[in-house]
């Protein structure tokens, strides 16, 4: 996070995660990359205290669109939709007594114009694409 594209505002730390507010969308040319990735679909933040992370995101004016503890036993999840990108916050349903007080970027999911081309460009770090649970979609990890 030492260099941001032009148009990015100042950095704010939100519960230990550096955040920038982008003032304008990049040009179509800037979105063209050989790996065919076109956008960030979602960002996953792992926290040891969901309530603390929620308060940090609220300072940026963000409110969760969805909240659940029903997906996994003992896991509390928040979902925020920012235009086409989702921020997913996941952490324990109960705060551990020995919390390290840090939130971490745990995962990124990108959208690709051509998933086979993305895999071909990144064969050493991706698996061959397969059908996703969502009808008509494919994934790679």
Protein backbone atom coordinates (compact mmCIF):
# COMPACT_ATOMS: atom_id res chain seq x y z
CA UNK A 1 0.00 0.00 0.00
CA UNK A 2 2.84 2.39 -0.65
CA UNK A 3 1.61 3.68 -4.01
CA UNK A 4 -1.96 4.27 -5.12
CA UNK A 5 -3.21 5.26 -8.57
CA UNK A 6 -4.05 8.88 -9.22
CA UNK A 7 -7.52 9.70 -8.00
CA UNK A 8 -7.08 7.89 -4.70
CA UNK A 9 -7.69 10.02 -1.64
CA UNK A 10 -5.78 9.94 1.59
CA UNK A 11 -5.33 6.71 3.47
CA UNK A 12 -7.33 6.00 6.61
CA UNK A 13 -6.66 3.04 8.88
CA UNK A 14 -9.88 1.18 9.62
CA UNK A 15 -9.40 -1.32 12.42
CA UNK A 16 -5.84 -1.94 11.23
CA UNK A 17 -6.63 -2.14 7.50
CA UNK A 18 -5.45 0.70 5.22
CA UNK A 19 -8.35 2.16 3.21
CA UNK A 20 -8.43 4.67 0.38
CA UNK A 21 -11.47 6.40 -1.04
CA UNK A 22 -11.15 6.46 -4.83
CA UNK A 23 -12.34 9.79 -6.20
CA UNK A 24 -12.86 8.62 -9.78
CA UNK A 25 -13.09 5.41 -11.75
CA UNK A 26 -10.04 4.36 -13.78
CA UNK A 27 -10.20 4.58 -17.57
CA UNK A 28 -11.16 1.55 -19.67
CA UNK A 29 -7.53 1.32 -20.78
CA UNK A 30 -6.41 1.12 -17.16
CA UNK A 31 -8.79 -1.82 -16.70
CA UNK A 32 -7.19 -3.84 -19.50
CA UNK A 33 -4.78 -6.45 -18.18
CA UNK A 34 -3.30 -9.58 -19.81
CA UNK A 35 -4.77 -11.78 -17.06
CA UNK A 36 -8.31 -10.58 -18.05
CA UNK A 37 -9.25 -9.56 -14.48
CA UNK A 38 -11.64 -6.61 -14.72
CA UNK A 39 -12.72 -5.82 -11.17
CA UNK A 40 -12.68 -6.72 -7.51
CA UNK A 41 -15.79 -8.80 -6.75
CA UNK A 42 -15.28 -8.97 -3.01
CA UNK A 43 -12.82 -8.38 -0.21
CA UNK A 44 -12.84 -10.63 2.86
CA UNK A 45 -11.71 -9.18 6.18
CA UNK A 46 -10.96 -11.54 9.07
CA UNK A 47 -11.37 -9.99 12.51
CA UNK A 48 -11.24 -11.19 16.07
CA UNK A 49 -13.96 -8.67 17.04
CA UNK A 50 -16.79 -8.13 14.53
CA UNK A 51 -18.32 -5.32 16.61
CA UNK A 52 -15.04 -3.37 16.65
CA UNK A 53 -14.60 -3.77 12.88
CA UNK A 54 -18.22 -2.72 12.27
CA UNK A 55 -17.56 0.49 14.25
CA UNK A 56 -14.42 1.17 12.20
CA UNK A 57 -16.28 0.77 8.91
CA UNK A 58 -19.12 2.94 10.24
CA UNK A 59 -16.59 5.78 10.60
CA UNK A 60 -16.35 5.66 6.79
CA UNK A 61 -20.14 5.85 6.55
CA UNK A 62 -20.56 2.14 5.78
CA UNK A 63 -23.47 0.10 7.12
CA UNK A 64 -23.85 -3.65 6.57
CA UNK A 65 -26.50 -4.79 4.10
CA UNK A 66 -26.64 -8.23 5.68
CA UNK A 67 -25.60 -9.85 8.93
CA UNK A 68 -25.68 -13.52 9.88
CA UNK A 69 -24.43 -16.11 12.33
CA UNK A 70 -26.30 -18.90 10.49
CA UNK A 71 -23.71 -19.79 7.81
CA UNK A 72 -21.14 -21.42 10.09
CA UNK A 73 -21.43 -22.35 13.74
CA UNK A 74 -19.62 -19.83 15.93
CA UNK A 75 -18.97 -17.40 13.05
CA UNK A 76 -20.43 -13.89 12.76
CA UNK A 77 -20.53 -12.39 9.26
CA UNK A 78 -21.29 -8.89 7.94
CA UNK A 79 -21.75 -8.02 4.26
CA UNK A 80 -21.38 -4.53 2.80
CA UNK A 81 -22.16 -3.70 -0.84
CA UNK A 82 -20.16 -0.88 -2.39
CA UNK A 83 -21.34 -0.46 -5.97
CA UNK A 84 -20.28 -3.77 -7.56
CA UNK A 85 -17.86 -4.82 -4.79
CA UNK A 86 -18.77 -6.62 -1.57
CA UNK A 87 -16.85 -6.36 1.69
CA UNK A 88 -17.32 -9.49 3.80
CA UNK A 89 -16.32 -9.28 7.46
CA UNK A 90 -15.97 -12.59 9.26
CA UNK A 91 -15.03 -13.36 12.82
CA UNK A 92 -16.02 -15.27 15.93
CA UNK A 93 -19.58 -14.95 17.22
CA UNK A 94 -18.08 -14.28 20.66
CA UNK A 95 -14.95 -12.18 21.15
CA UNK A 96 -12.05 -14.26 22.43
CA UNK A 97 -10.67 -13.07 25.78
CA UNK A 98 -7.17 -12.85 24.30
CA UNK A 99 -7.82 -10.79 21.20
CA UNK A 100 -4.84 -9.45 19.22
CA UNK A 101 -6.92 -6.44 18.16
CA UNK A 102 -6.07 -6.83 14.48
CA UNK A 103 -8.22 -7.16 11.39
CA UNK A 104 -6.57 -8.72 8.35
CA UNK A 105 -7.27 -8.92 4.64
CA UNK A 106 -8.10 -12.61 4.39
CA UNK A 107 -9.10 -12.94 0.77
CA UNK A 108 -9.82 -11.24 -2.53
CA UNK A 109 -12.14 -12.40 -5.27
CA UNK A 110 -11.79 -10.90 -8.73
CA UNK A 111 -14.05 -10.84 -11.77
CA UNK A 112 -12.49 -12.05 -15.01
CA UNK A 113 -13.60 -11.41 -18.56
CA UNK A 114 -12.09 -14.78 -19.58
CA UNK A 115 -11.42 -17.20 -16.73
CA UNK A 116 -9.49 -19.63 -18.92
CA UNK A 117 -7.16 -16.78 -19.97
CA UNK A 118 -6.77 -15.75 -16.32
CA UNK A 119 -5.76 -19.29 -15.40
CA UNK A 120 -3.39 -19.47 -18.39
CA UNK A 121 -1.74 -16.20 -17.28
CA UNK A 122 -1.41 -17.41 -13.67
CA UNK A 123 -1.00 -21.23 -13.87
CA UNK A 124 1.37 -21.46 -10.92
CA UNK A 125 -1.10 -19.84 -8.51
CA UNK A 126 -4.53 -20.92 -9.86
CA UNK A 127 -6.31 -24.22 -10.42
CA UNK A 128 -8.09 -25.09 -13.65
CA UNK A 129 -11.55 -23.40 -13.60
CA UNK A 130 -14.60 -25.42 -12.55
CA UNK A 131 -18.36 -24.87 -12.26
CA UNK A 132 -19.41 -22.72 -9.31
CA UNK A 133 -22.46 -23.34 -7.14
CA UNK A 134 -24.10 -20.31 -8.77
CA UNK A 135 -25.71 -21.29 -12.08
CA UNK A 136 -23.72 -20.17 -15.13
CA UNK A 137 -20.61 -19.18 -13.15
CA UNK A 138 -17.16 -20.71 -12.94
CA UNK A 139 -14.38 -20.23 -10.40
CA UNK A 140 -10.70 -20.80 -9.83
CA UNK A 141 -8.63 -20.55 -6.69
